[in-house]
Amino acid sequence: MAVRVRPMVPFMPEKMPDLSRKPSLILAATRDSLVPREETETLAGLLERGGADVQLRWVDATHAITSEDVAAGKDWVAEKFAD
């Protein structure tokens, strides 16, 4: 399980690890000047290719973490632990 806030793709892996059914939340920002939309979508695709259960959420924000991010992450983790 992972919550990723404004994540970047540090490198392109040669082979993806087995992430089968591993839940992953990506919290991305529409006005992020450091992480372009394409990079976020690339990361989501990489994780999905590895088998992860990816949920991508966009917030109207910059690269800074917001209270909306904290609440979304908290709710998502609570939901996953309830399963």
Protein backbone atom coordinates (compact mmCIF):
# COMPACT_ATOMS: atom_id res chain seq x y z
CA MET A 1 0.00 0.00 0.00
CA ALA A 2 1.32 3.41 -0.89
CA VAL A 3 0.14 7.01 -0.93
CA ARG A 4 2.21 9.07 -3.34
CA VAL A 5 1.89 12.84 -3.22
CA ARG A 6 3.23 14.76 -6.25
CA PRO A 7 5.45 11.82 -7.20
CA MET A 8 8.12 11.91 -9.88
CA VAL A 9 9.56 9.17 -12.06
CA PRO A 10 13.24 9.11 -10.96
CA PHE A 11 14.19 6.50 -13.60
CA MET A 12 12.58 4.13 -16.08
CA PRO A 13 12.90 0.59 -14.75
CA GLU A 14 14.03 -2.12 -17.15
CA LYS A 15 11.62 -4.55 -15.52
CA MET A 16 8.72 -3.76 -13.19
CA PRO A 17 8.51 -5.65 -9.91
CA ASP A 18 5.42 -7.71 -9.21
CA LEU A 19 2.97 -5.27 -7.65
CA SER A 20 -0.04 -7.52 -8.09
CA ARG A 21 -3.08 -6.09 -6.32
CA LYS A 22 -0.96 -3.65 -4.30
CA PRO A 23 -3.11 -0.57 -3.74
CA SER A 24 -1.53 2.73 -4.69
CA LEU A 25 -2.96 6.23 -4.46
CA ILE A 26 -1.36 9.01 -6.48
CA LEU A 27 -2.30 12.56 -5.46
CA ALA A 28 -1.31 14.88 -8.28
CA ALA A 29 -1.76 18.62 -8.80
CA THR A 30 -3.08 20.37 -11.89
CA ARG A 31 -0.80 23.38 -11.36
CA ASP A 32 2.36 21.55 -10.35
CA SER A 33 5.34 23.32 -11.94
CA LEU A 34 7.79 20.56 -10.91
CA VAL A 35 5.94 17.42 -12.03
CA PRO A 36 4.26 17.64 -15.43
CA ARG A 37 0.97 15.82 -16.00
CA GLU A 38 2.69 13.46 -18.45
CA GLU A 39 5.17 12.32 -15.79
CA THR A 40 2.37 11.56 -13.35
CA GLU A 41 0.51 9.60 -16.01
CA THR A 42 3.72 7.74 -16.89
CA LEU A 43 4.15 6.71 -13.26
CA ALA A 44 0.54 5.54 -13.02
CA GLY A 45 1.07 3.47 -16.16
CA LEU A 46 4.30 1.94 -14.84
CA LEU A 47 2.64 0.93 -11.59
CA GLU A 48 -0.34 -0.53 -13.44
CA ARG A 49 2.01 -2.44 -15.74
CA GLY A 50 3.47 -4.00 -12.60
CA GLY A 51 -0.02 -5.06 -11.53
CA ALA A 52 -0.73 -2.38 -8.91
CA ASP A 53 -4.27 -1.24 -8.24
CA VAL A 54 -3.72 2.46 -9.00
CA GLN A 55 -6.05 5.30 -8.15
CA LEU A 56 -5.03 8.68 -9.55
CA ARG A 57 -6.61 11.81 -8.10
CA TRP A 58 -6.04 15.35 -9.33
CA VAL A 59 -6.40 18.39 -7.08
CA ASP A 60 -6.34 22.05 -8.06
CA ALA A 61 -3.03 22.89 -6.40
CA THR A 62 0.68 23.51 -6.93
CA HIS A 63 3.50 21.14 -5.90
CA ALA A 64 2.85 21.94 -2.21
CA ILE A 65 0.91 19.42 -0.18
CA THR A 66 -2.54 20.65 0.81
CA SER A 67 -5.01 19.78 3.56
CA GLU A 68 -7.11 18.22 0.79
CA ASP A 69 -4.22 15.83 0.07
CA VAL A 70 -3.89 14.90 3.72
CA ALA A 71 -7.62 14.25 4.04
CA ALA A 72 -7.75 12.24 0.80
CA GLY A 73 -4.77 10.11 1.86
CA LYS A 74 -6.18 9.54 5.32
CA ASP A 75 -9.59 8.53 3.96
CA TRP A 76 -8.05 6.24 1.34
CA VAL A 77 -5.86 4.44 3.88
CA ALA A 78 -8.80 4.04 6.27
CA GLU A 79 -10.88 2.59 3.43
CA LYS A 80 -8.12 0.13 2.48
CA PHE A 81 -7.65 -1.05 6.08
CA ALA A 82 -11.41 -1.51 6.43
CA ASP A 83 -11.35 -4.12 3.65
